[in-house]
Protein backbone atom coordinates (compact mmCIF):
# COMPACT_ATOMS: atom_id res chain seq x y z
CA MET A 1 48.67 82.53 57.44
CA LYS A 2 47.00 79.11 57.78
CA LYS A 3 47.09 77.82 61.36
CA ILE A 4 48.03 74.16 61.91
CA ALA A 5 47.96 72.32 65.24
CA ILE A 6 50.04 69.15 65.57
CA ILE A 7 48.91 67.07 68.54
CA GLY A 8 51.81 64.84 69.54
CA SER A 9 55.49 65.26 68.70
CA GLY A 10 56.61 61.66 68.36
CA PRO A 11 57.68 60.28 64.97
CA THR A 12 54.34 60.88 63.21
CA GLY A 13 54.18 64.46 64.47
CA ILE A 14 57.83 65.10 63.59
CA TYR A 15 57.51 63.75 60.06
CA THR A 16 54.30 65.78 59.62
CA PHE A 17 56.08 69.00 60.62
CA TYR A 18 58.96 68.07 58.29
CA SER A 19 56.53 67.49 55.41
CA LEU A 20 54.78 70.81 56.09
CA LEU A 21 57.99 72.56 55.06
CA GLN A 22 56.97 71.71 51.48
CA ASN A 23 53.94 74.00 51.72
CA PRO A 24 54.09 76.78 49.11
CA ALA A 25 53.33 79.48 51.68
CA PRO A 26 54.55 79.85 55.27
CA LEU A 27 52.26 78.36 57.90
CA SER A 28 51.57 78.95 61.56
CA VAL A 29 52.42 75.64 63.27
CA THR A 30 51.67 74.94 66.92
CA VAL A 31 52.93 71.68 68.42
CA PHE A 32 51.40 70.21 71.58
CA GLU A 33 53.31 67.56 73.50
CA GLN A 34 52.06 66.01 76.74
CA ALA A 35 55.56 64.95 77.84
CA ASP A 36 58.09 67.39 79.26
CA GLU A 37 60.19 67.35 76.09
CA ALA A 38 58.86 67.63 72.56
CA GLY A 39 60.32 65.74 69.63
CA VAL A 40 61.21 62.40 71.20
CA GLY A 41 58.18 60.13 71.31
CA MET A 42 57.22 57.61 73.98
CA PRO A 43 58.83 54.57 72.29
CA TYR A 44 62.20 56.33 72.41
CA SER A 45 62.11 58.36 75.62
CA ASP A 46 64.55 57.74 78.45
CA GLU A 47 61.60 57.57 80.87
CA ASP A 48 60.10 54.53 79.15
CA ASN A 49 63.22 52.67 78.06
CA SER A 50 66.52 51.46 79.39
CA ARG A 51 69.78 51.76 77.48
CA LEU A 52 69.66 48.01 76.82
CA MET A 53 66.40 48.21 74.84
CA LEU A 54 67.15 48.20 71.13
CA ALA A 55 65.23 49.93 68.37
CA ASN A 56 63.94 47.35 65.91
CA ILE A 57 64.99 49.44 62.92
CA ALA A 58 68.33 50.45 61.43
CA SER A 59 69.44 53.69 59.81
CA ILE A 60 69.02 52.30 56.30
CA GLU A 61 65.28 51.94 56.94
CA ILE A 62 64.64 55.23 58.78
CA PRO A 63 63.35 58.06 56.55
CA PRO A 64 65.92 60.87 56.89
CA LEU A 65 65.10 64.20 58.51
CA PHE A 66 67.52 66.44 56.55
CA ILE A 67 70.28 63.91 57.33
CA THR A 68 70.30 60.17 57.89
CA TYR A 69 70.40 58.62 61.33
CA LEU A 70 73.85 57.19 60.54
CA ASP A 71 75.27 60.59 59.53
CA TRP A 72 73.91 62.10 62.72
CA LEU A 73 75.46 59.29 64.78
CA LYS A 74 78.83 59.93 63.15
CA SER A 75 78.62 63.56 64.28
CA LEU A 76 78.52 62.49 67.94
CA SER A 77 81.59 62.12 70.12
CA GLU A 78 83.01 58.72 71.00
CA SER A 79 82.35 59.38 74.68
CA HIS A 80 78.68 60.17 74.04
CA LEU A 81 78.18 56.95 72.10
CA ALA A 82 80.09 54.99 74.73
CA ARG A 83 77.31 55.79 77.22
CA TYR A 84 75.18 53.44 75.16
CA ARG A 85 77.93 50.85 74.65
CA VAL A 86 78.22 51.93 71.02
CA ASP A 87 81.63 52.00 69.34
CA LYS A 88 81.86 54.89 66.87
CA ALA A 89 84.42 53.02 64.79
CA THR A 90 81.98 50.19 64.05
CA LEU A 91 78.90 52.24 63.11
CA HIS A 92 77.09 51.10 59.97
CA ASP A 93 73.70 51.64 58.37
CA ARG A 94 72.23 48.22 59.24
CA GLN A 95 73.04 48.42 62.94
CA PHE A 96 70.39 48.15 65.66
CA LEU A 97 71.02 50.65 68.44
CA PRO A 98 69.40 51.67 71.74
CA ARG A 99 65.98 53.27 71.47
CA ILE A 100 66.99 56.16 73.68
CA LEU A 101 69.72 57.05 71.19
CA LEU A 102 67.15 57.10 68.39
CA GLY A 103 65.05 59.36 70.61
CA GLU A 104 68.00 61.77 70.78
CA TYR A 105 68.11 61.81 66.98
CA PHE A 106 64.41 62.66 66.76
CA ARG A 107 64.78 65.43 69.34
CA ASP A 108 67.75 66.92 67.50
CA ARG A 109 65.98 66.71 64.15
CA PHE A 110 62.79 68.19 65.62
CA LEU A 111 64.76 71.25 66.74
CA ALA A 112 66.35 71.43 63.27
CA ILE A 113 62.89 71.40 61.68
CA VAL A 114 61.75 74.20 64.01
CA GLU A 115 64.78 76.27 63.04
CA LYS A 116 64.30 75.64 59.31
CA ALA A 117 60.60 76.50 59.54
CA ARG A 118 61.33 79.83 61.22
CA GLN A 119 63.97 80.61 58.59
CA ARG A 120 61.28 80.13 55.94
CA GLY A 121 58.88 82.52 57.63
CA PHE A 122 56.76 79.99 59.51
CA GLU A 123 55.31 81.01 62.85
CA VAL A 124 56.16 78.21 65.29
CA ALA A 125 55.00 77.63 68.85
CA ILE A 126 55.95 74.59 70.94
CA HIS A 127 53.89 73.70 74.01
CA GLU A 128 55.48 71.01 76.19
CA ALA A 129 53.82 69.36 79.19
CA SER A 130 50.61 70.22 77.35
CA ALA A 131 48.13 67.39 76.94
CA VAL A 132 45.32 68.09 74.50
CA THR A 133 42.26 66.99 76.45
CA ASP A 134 39.56 67.95 73.95
CA LEU A 135 39.16 68.75 70.27
CA ASP A 136 36.07 70.44 68.86
CA ALA A 137 35.86 70.94 65.09
CA ASP A 138 33.29 72.62 62.86
CA ALA A 139 33.17 74.12 59.39
CA ASP A 140 34.99 77.25 60.59
CA GLY A 141 37.95 75.56 62.28
CA VAL A 142 39.17 73.65 65.32
CA THR A 143 39.34 74.62 68.98
CA LEU A 144 41.33 72.69 71.56
CA SER A 145 41.41 72.26 75.30
CA VAL A 146 44.90 71.84 76.73
CA ASN A 147 45.39 70.45 80.22
CA ASP A 148 41.58 70.77 80.57
CA ARG A 149 41.60 74.49 79.76
CA PRO A 150 40.42 76.16 76.52
CA PHE A 151 43.33 77.10 74.29
CA PRO A 152 42.96 80.72 73.11
CA ALA A 153 43.83 80.18 69.42
CA ARG A 154 41.63 78.59 66.76
CA PHE A 155 43.13 76.39 64.04
CA ASP A 156 42.35 75.71 60.41
CA LEU A 157 43.60 72.13 60.65
CA ALA A 158 44.40 69.83 63.57
CA VAL A 159 46.75 66.90 62.98
CA VAL A 160 46.21 64.07 65.47
CA ALA A 161 49.58 62.33 65.84
CA THR A 162 49.21 60.95 69.34
CA GLY A 163 50.96 57.63 68.71
CA HIS A 164 50.46 54.51 70.78
CA VAL A 165 47.99 54.38 73.64
CA TRP A 166 48.89 52.38 76.74
CA PRO A 167 46.96 51.95 80.00
CA ASP A 168 47.62 54.63 82.61
CA GLU A 169 50.23 53.98 85.26
CA ASP A 170 47.54 54.20 87.95
CA GLU A 171 46.15 50.91 86.60
CA SER A 172 49.39 49.21 87.63
CA THR A 173 50.02 47.68 91.02
CA ARG A 174 53.12 46.21 92.61
CA THR A 175 52.18 42.82 91.13
CA TYR A 176 50.41 43.72 87.85
CA PHE A 177 51.42 45.87 84.88
CA PRO A 178 48.87 46.21 82.05
CA SER A 179 51.71 47.02 79.64
CA PRO A 180 55.51 47.38 79.74
CA TRP A 181 54.92 51.14 79.36
CA SER A 182 52.64 51.54 82.38
CA GLY A 183 55.10 52.22 85.18
CA LEU A 184 57.31 49.15 84.81
CA MET A 185 60.49 51.14 84.18
CA ASP A 186 60.14 52.96 87.50
CA ALA A 187 59.01 49.94 89.52
CA ARG A 188 61.23 47.84 91.72
CA ILE A 189 60.62 44.18 90.89
CA SER A 190 61.86 41.74 93.49
CA ALA A 191 63.63 38.48 92.66
CA CYS A 192 60.47 36.42 92.29
CA ARG A 193 58.35 34.55 89.74
CA VAL A 194 57.58 36.98 86.91
CA GLY A 195 55.11 36.06 84.16
CA ILE A 196 55.12 38.04 80.92
CA MET A 197 52.29 37.57 78.44
CA GLY A 198 53.76 37.98 74.98
CA THR A 199 56.87 36.62 73.28
CA SER A 200 57.38 39.40 70.72
CA LEU A 201 59.65 42.43 71.10
CA SER A 202 57.38 44.01 73.74
CA GLY A 203 57.65 40.87 75.86
CA LEU A 204 61.40 40.83 75.45
CA ASP A 205 61.57 44.48 76.51
CA ALA A 206 59.60 43.67 79.64
CA ALA A 207 61.97 40.79 80.43
CA MET A 208 64.98 43.09 80.00
CA ALA A 209 63.42 45.75 82.21
CA VAL A 210 63.13 43.18 85.00
CA ALA A 211 66.42 41.37 84.41
CA ILE A 212 68.67 44.44 84.53
CA GLN A 213 67.45 45.13 88.07
CA HIS A 214 69.07 41.87 89.13
CA GLY A 215 72.26 41.59 87.10
CA ASP A 216 74.16 42.77 84.08
CA PHE A 217 75.07 41.64 80.59
CA VAL A 218 78.80 41.16 80.14
CA GLN A 219 79.44 40.49 76.44
CA ASP A 220 77.14 37.55 75.69
CA ARG A 221 76.67 36.43 79.30
CA PHE A 222 74.21 37.52 81.96
CA ILE A 223 75.70 37.75 85.45
CA LEU A 224 72.92 37.38 88.00
CA ASP A 225 73.34 39.11 91.35
CA GLU A 226 73.93 36.70 94.20
CA ALA A 227 70.95 38.15 96.10
CA SER A 228 68.63 37.55 93.13
CA ARG A 229 68.96 33.79 92.75
CA GLN A 230 65.17 33.36 93.08
CA LEU A 231 64.41 35.39 89.96
CA ARG A 232 62.48 33.41 87.34
CA ILE A 233 61.02 35.08 84.25
CA THR A 234 58.57 33.22 82.01
CA LEU A 235 57.58 34.47 78.56
CA MET A 236 54.17 33.12 77.54
CA SER A 237 52.01 32.95 74.45
CA ARG A 238 49.56 30.54 72.90
CA SER A 239 52.27 28.98 70.74
CA GLY A 240 55.34 29.61 72.91
CA ILE A 241 57.30 30.59 69.80
CA LEU A 242 60.04 33.20 69.95
CA PRO A 243 60.59 35.72 67.14
CA GLU A 244 63.43 35.07 64.75
CA ALA A 245 66.46 37.27 64.20
CA ASP A 246 66.41 40.07 61.66
CA PHE A 247 67.64 38.83 58.27
CA TYR A 248 69.70 40.35 55.49
CA CYS A 249 67.93 41.62 52.37
CA PRO A 250 68.26 44.38 49.76
CA ILE A 251 66.96 47.80 50.84
CA PRO A 252 65.12 49.58 49.29
CA TYR A 253 62.92 46.65 48.41
CA GLU A 254 63.08 45.16 44.95
CA PRO A 255 59.73 45.20 43.10
CA LEU A 256 57.46 42.19 43.11
CA GLU A 257 56.87 40.42 39.80
CA ILE A 258 53.31 39.08 40.07
CA LEU A 259 51.48 40.47 43.09
CA THR A 260 52.10 44.11 42.23
CA GLU A 261 50.05 47.06 43.45
CA ALA A 262 48.25 47.11 40.12
CA ALA A 263 47.44 43.40 40.42
CA VAL A 264 46.03 43.88 43.91
CA GLN A 265 43.90 46.79 42.73
CA ARG A 266 42.48 44.68 39.93
CA GLU A 267 41.45 42.04 42.46
CA ILE A 268 39.91 44.68 44.73
CA ASP A 269 37.93 46.04 41.79
CA LYS A 270 36.40 42.59 41.22
CA GLY A 271 34.64 42.79 44.60
CA ASP A 272 35.00 41.28 48.06
CA ASP A 273 33.60 37.84 47.24
CA GLY A 274 36.67 35.58 47.12
CA LEU A 275 39.10 38.51 47.34
CA LEU A 276 41.31 36.94 50.03
CA ASP A 277 41.64 33.64 48.16
CA ARG A 278 42.34 35.33 44.82
CA VAL A 279 45.14 37.38 46.33
CA TYR A 280 46.50 34.33 48.14
CA THR A 281 46.71 32.51 44.80
CA LEU A 282 48.83 35.37 43.44
CA MET A 283 50.97 35.20 46.58
CA VAL A 284 51.66 31.55 45.91
CA GLU A 285 52.68 32.33 42.34
CA GLU A 286 55.04 35.05 43.57
CA LEU A 287 56.64 32.69 46.09
CA LYS A 288 57.02 29.88 43.55
CA LEU A 289 58.76 32.27 41.20
CA ALA A 290 61.12 33.48 43.94
CA ASP A 291 61.93 30.23 45.74
CA PRO A 292 60.46 27.03 44.22
CA GLN A 293 62.55 24.77 46.48
CA TRP A 294 61.13 26.28 49.70
CA CYS A 295 57.62 26.10 48.26
CA GLU A 296 58.12 22.42 47.60
CA GLU A 297 59.55 21.80 51.08
CA ILE A 298 56.67 23.49 52.84
CA GLY A 299 54.08 21.92 50.54
CA LEU A 300 52.75 25.29 49.46
CA HIS A 301 50.69 23.78 46.61
CA ASN A 302 48.55 21.98 49.23
CA LEU A 303 48.04 25.03 51.48
CA ASP A 304 45.50 27.84 51.48
CA ALA A 305 45.08 31.19 53.24
CA ASP A 306 43.97 29.37 56.39
CA SER A 307 46.45 26.50 56.58
CA LEU A 308 49.65 28.41 55.70
CA LEU A 309 50.08 29.57 59.29
CA GLU A 310 50.31 26.04 60.70
CA ALA A 311 52.86 25.07 58.05
CA TRP A 312 54.79 28.30 58.68
CA TYR A 313 55.36 27.38 62.33
CA ALA A 314 55.53 23.60 61.93
CA ASP A 315 59.31 23.15 62.15
CA ARG A 316 59.72 25.66 64.98
CA LYS A 317 57.07 23.92 67.04
CA LYS A 318 59.05 20.67 66.83
CA HIS A 319 62.11 22.25 68.45
CA ASP A 320 62.97 23.81 71.78
CA PRO A 321 62.47 27.58 71.24
CA PHE A 322 65.94 28.46 72.53
CA ARG A 323 67.62 25.81 70.38
CA TRP A 324 65.76 27.15 67.35
CA ALA A 325 66.78 30.71 68.29
CA GLU A 326 70.41 29.67 68.55
CA GLU A 327 70.43 27.97 65.13
CA ASN A 328 68.48 30.77 63.49
CA LEU A 329 70.95 33.31 64.92
CA LYS A 330 73.88 31.41 63.40
CA GLU A 331 72.13 31.30 60.04
CA VAL A 332 71.21 34.98 59.82
CA GLU A 333 74.62 36.13 61.04
CA GLN A 334 76.32 34.06 58.36
CA ASN A 335 73.93 35.43 55.75
CA LYS A 336 74.72 38.99 56.83
CA ARG A 337 78.43 38.34 56.50
CA ASP A 338 77.89 36.85 53.05
CA LYS A 339 75.21 39.40 52.09
CA HIS A 340 73.02 36.45 51.20
CA THR A 341 69.27 36.91 50.85
CA VAL A 342 66.90 34.05 51.66
CA ALA A 343 64.43 34.43 48.81
CA TRP A 344 61.25 33.22 50.50
CA ARG A 345 61.79 35.38 53.59
CA TYR A 346 62.41 38.44 51.46
CA THR A 347 59.38 37.77 49.30
CA ILE A 348 57.06 37.44 52.31
CA LEU A 349 58.54 40.68 53.66
CA ARG A 350 57.76 42.57 50.46
CA LEU A 351 54.32 41.00 50.15
CA HIS A 352 52.96 42.22 53.48
CA GLU A 353 52.65 45.85 52.44
CA VAL A 354 50.87 45.19 49.16
CA VAL A 355 48.56 42.52 50.61
CA GLN A 356 47.56 44.95 53.39
CA GLU A 357 45.75 46.99 50.75
CA ILE A 358 42.96 44.41 50.58
CA VAL A 359 42.10 44.53 54.30
CA PRO A 360 39.54 47.40 54.16
CA HIS A 361 37.83 45.66 51.24
CA LEU A 362 37.47 42.19 52.78
CA ASN A 363 34.05 41.00 53.89
CA GLU A 364 33.62 40.24 57.57
CA ARG A 365 34.31 36.52 57.23
CA ASP A 366 37.49 36.93 55.21
CA ARG A 367 38.74 39.74 57.40
CA GLU A 368 38.60 37.35 60.35
CA ARG A 369 40.33 34.64 58.30
CA PHE A 370 43.08 37.07 57.37
CA LYS A 371 43.54 38.12 61.00
CA LYS A 372 43.90 34.51 62.16
CA GLY A 373 46.08 33.38 59.29
CA LEU A 374 48.09 35.50 56.85
CA GLN A 375 48.31 38.48 59.16
CA ARG A 376 50.18 36.41 61.75
CA VAL A 377 52.54 35.04 59.09
CA PHE A 378 53.40 38.53 57.91
CA ILE A 379 53.87 39.88 61.43
CA ASP A 380 56.19 37.03 62.40
CA ASN A 381 58.24 37.75 59.28
CA TYR A 382 58.60 41.53 59.48
CA ALA A 383 58.81 41.69 63.28
CA ALA A 384 62.11 39.80 63.37
CA ILE A 385 64.29 41.25 66.12
CA PRO A 386 67.92 42.37 66.40
CA SER A 387 70.52 39.62 66.74
CA GLN A 388 71.70 41.24 69.96
CA SER A 389 68.24 40.75 71.47
CA ILE A 390 68.44 37.04 70.62
CA ARG A 391 71.87 36.82 72.26
CA ARG A 392 70.48 38.40 75.41
CA LEU A 393 67.57 35.97 75.48
CA LEU A 394 69.99 33.09 75.22
CA ALA A 395 72.16 34.60 77.94
CA LEU A 396 69.18 34.89 80.30
CA ARG A 397 68.25 31.31 79.59
CA GLU A 398 71.84 30.14 80.16
CA ALA A 399 71.82 31.95 83.51
CA GLY A 400 68.72 30.00 84.53
CA VAL A 401 66.56 33.13 84.61
CA LEU A 402 64.35 32.85 81.51
CA SER A 403 61.96 30.22 80.17
CA VAL A 404 59.26 30.15 77.50
CA MET A 405 55.86 28.55 77.90
CA ALA A 406 53.19 27.60 75.34
CA LEU A 407 49.74 28.11 76.86
CA GLY A 408 47.72 26.58 74.03
CA ASN A 409 44.43 28.04 72.84
CA ASP A 410 42.47 27.14 75.96
CA TYR A 411 43.72 28.77 79.15
CA GLN A 412 42.31 30.92 81.92
CA LEU A 413 43.95 34.01 83.40
CA GLU A 414 43.10 35.36 86.85
CA VAL A 415 44.90 38.50 87.99
CA GLY A 416 44.74 38.76 91.76
CA SER A 417 45.96 41.32 94.27
CA SER A 418 48.96 39.24 95.32
CA GLN A 419 49.37 36.66 92.53
CA THR A 420 48.34 35.95 88.96
CA VAL A 421 47.12 32.44 88.26
CA ILE A 422 47.13 30.91 84.77
CA THR A 423 45.34 27.62 84.30
CA THR A 424 46.01 25.53 81.19
CA GLN A 425 44.70 22.12 80.23
CA ASP A 426 47.72 20.50 81.88
CA ASN A 427 48.77 22.67 84.79
CA VAL A 428 48.31 25.69 87.05
CA TYR A 429 50.98 28.40 87.12
CA ARG A 430 51.34 31.15 89.73
CA PHE A 431 53.28 34.39 89.30
CA ASP A 432 54.16 37.00 91.88
CA VAL A 433 54.38 39.69 89.18
CA TYR A 434 52.45 39.65 85.90
CA ILE A 435 53.14 41.91 82.90
CA ASP A 436 50.83 42.07 79.88
CA ALA A 437 53.13 42.70 76.90
CA ARG A 438 50.89 41.81 73.98
CA GLY A 439 51.43 45.14 72.23
CA GLN A 440 49.13 47.82 70.92
CA LYS A 441 45.49 46.89 70.52
CA PRO A 442 43.35 48.45 67.76
CA LEU A 443 40.99 51.11 69.12
CA LYS A 444 37.60 52.45 68.01
CA VAL A 445 35.76 55.77 68.05
CA LYS A 446 34.44 55.09 71.56
CA ASP A 447 38.06 55.04 72.80
CA LEU A 448 38.93 58.54 71.56
CA PRO A 449 40.41 60.74 74.32
CA PHE A 450 38.73 63.93 72.98
CA PRO A 451 35.11 64.06 74.29
CA SER A 452 33.76 66.57 71.75
CA LEU A 453 35.26 64.79 68.74
CA ARG A 454 34.19 61.44 70.17
CA ARG A 455 30.57 62.63 70.37
CA GLN A 456 30.68 63.99 66.83
CA LEU A 457 32.06 60.77 65.38
CA MET A 458 29.80 58.50 67.41
CA ALA A 459 26.82 60.42 66.07
CA THR A 460 27.69 59.07 62.61
CA GLY A 461 27.00 55.55 63.87
CA GLU A 462 30.36 54.28 62.64
CA ALA A 463 32.69 52.35 64.95
CA LEU A 464 35.80 53.66 63.18
CA PRO A 465 36.78 57.13 61.94
CA ALA A 466 36.23 57.70 58.21
CA PHE A 467 38.99 59.59 56.42
CA GLY A 468 40.29 60.31 52.93
CA ASP A 469 43.64 59.90 51.21
CA ASP A 470 45.10 62.76 53.24
CA TYR A 471 43.72 61.20 56.46
CA THR A 472 41.32 64.11 57.05
CA LEU A 473 38.04 63.03 58.58
CA THR A 474 35.24 62.88 56.03
CA ALA A 475 32.33 62.42 58.41
CA PRO A 476 30.40 64.13 59.78
CA ALA A 477 30.26 66.61 56.90
CA SER A 478 30.40 69.57 59.31
CA ILE A 479 34.06 68.85 60.18
CA ARG A 480 35.21 67.51 56.82
CA GLY A 481 38.81 68.48 56.09
CA ARG A 482 39.43 70.00 59.53
CA VAL A 483 41.06 67.05 61.35
CA ALA A 484 43.86 64.89 59.91
CA PHE A 485 43.74 61.64 61.86
CA GLY A 486 47.06 59.83 62.05
CA ALA A 487 46.72 58.14 65.44
CA ILE A 488 48.07 54.62 64.90
CA PRO A 489 45.73 52.61 67.21
CA TRP A 490 42.71 53.82 65.23
CA LEU A 491 44.33 53.00 61.88
CA MET A 492 45.24 49.41 62.74
CA HIS A 493 41.84 47.93 61.85
CA ASP A 494 42.37 48.58 58.14
CA GLN A 495 46.18 48.88 58.24
CA PRO A 496 47.37 46.10 60.57
CA PHE A 497 51.05 46.65 59.67
CA VAL A 498 51.05 50.43 60.23
CA GLN A 499 53.34 50.72 63.26
CA GLY A 500 56.78 51.25 61.66
CA LEU A 501 58.69 54.49 61.16
CA SER A 502 58.42 54.28 57.38
CA GLU A 503 54.65 54.04 57.75
CA CYS A 504 54.65 57.03 60.14
CA ALA A 505 56.54 59.07 57.54
CA GLU A 506 54.12 58.08 54.75
CA ILE A 507 51.08 58.94 56.85
CA ALA A 508 52.69 62.24 57.82
CA LYS A 509 53.41 63.13 54.20
CA ALA A 510 49.76 62.47 53.32
CA MET A 511 48.45 64.52 56.26
CA ALA A 512 50.69 67.45 55.42
CA LYS A 513 49.00 67.68 52.02
CA ALA A 514 45.80 68.71 53.79
CA ALA A 515 47.49 72.02 54.59
CA GLU A 516 48.04 72.68 50.87
CA ARG A 517 44.36 73.20 50.11
CA ASN A 518 43.52 76.67 48.87
CA ALA A 519 40.15 78.35 49.14
CA SER A 520 38.75 76.38 46.20
CA GLY A 521 39.70 73.08 47.79
CA LEU A 522 42.42 72.35 45.22
CA ARG A 523 45.97 71.50 46.25
CA ARG A 524 49.18 73.13 45.16
CA THR A 525 52.56 71.45 45.25
CA LEU A 526 56.08 72.79 45.40
CA PRO A 527 59.25 70.80 44.79
CA TYR A 528 61.11 70.51 48.09
CA SER A 529 64.80 70.90 48.74
CA ASP A 530 66.84 71.28 51.88
CA ASP A 531 68.38 74.58 50.72
């Protein structure tokens, strides 16, 4: 029986285990989870989130694990849902709900997968509170160290599904948090001047984590505690632009007409010289076909892959960010009621996944251009946040608690032991507490947490892991096919939009295929059913 180790039991690990059920023969599957409870994942655990923090994905977009998220929610009691301020009678498949509730779904489905696997003759072992501290692979298999001790079993394949990587809590102080996930949820933040670097969902989560210590949301109002009148929270970024509210569109996505996967592949096959600009030209054609009026309004015919970003933000920069948020909220809520799709928004949304395919093939200059331009356009579009999050931002602003600041491109940051000082061209700002909420940063081989594997990969001279279609490492040759590498921070260099649950499921499906290899190296497939 082939022995598989899954390192990490968050969404990528769960979907990998689920996909392994398709294997023609039973497997021996061992799951290692560093947290106390397997099958939840850090982004959805009750230790790292409050009940106010919303998942930025709805049931209609979440790949089912035997049953959909919505069907699972409907199986819960009204009293259980009420703990999260969720009304069972109003559940629907486009609803954004608390992250902790989604974590409960993943835990429940993980246990269902374990049960199904055992019914099919799989050998299953779950090791909780078990951090894999080393991974050593060779042509004969993989050995692990768990909690700094050698694990007795040897594996044929190790699946690295360790998820996001945040700074350790011991890097935090009472006045500085290197991420919202580095001890902030357990910290007591006084009613003081709080600076949060980042205006995306991570920044909003940090603001909520602080705000709920000093008041409560009652419908669409924030009631600040009388003793916390000195609380001031500032969200900061270079542009000072807030994300827009999630918009209505058909799901699953309708196919593109011009910039199809085949069209992108043809451009890739022509070589990297001019690749970005050729694909941008096809993007423009796709947008003109979908929404010629918007293209005319934005002056798309005069823009290129570098100047689109400035035009994308131009109107929002002219307005107060909260006023823009308020108007945008009204628009998207009306569109949801009418089931109206804004063509240009939907087209950009569908384009980001197909355009991502060119990133590994771009030359160094164009990769940097893409990062500074189109990548930011796509992220702003697909990272739209739940309407409820916008309402809470507006409520905090109305209560006099929250402000947004544009730092510009030239500012200096000095994190001190008692205060953080930010100096811009126009002013100096001081914060009693500073939280860095700029999200996950791409990582390289030198950042790997497994010393033996790190040494092996660094010996290849490559800064990034090299892997095939099934995400198994291809270099060095001595470990080829032994380690499936699905750790998101190390994938982000070539897949900048890889952080969603749908992407986790696709990566997991690909990694699970590595277990289907027989002795000759060929793969076998078996149609899968839930019977």
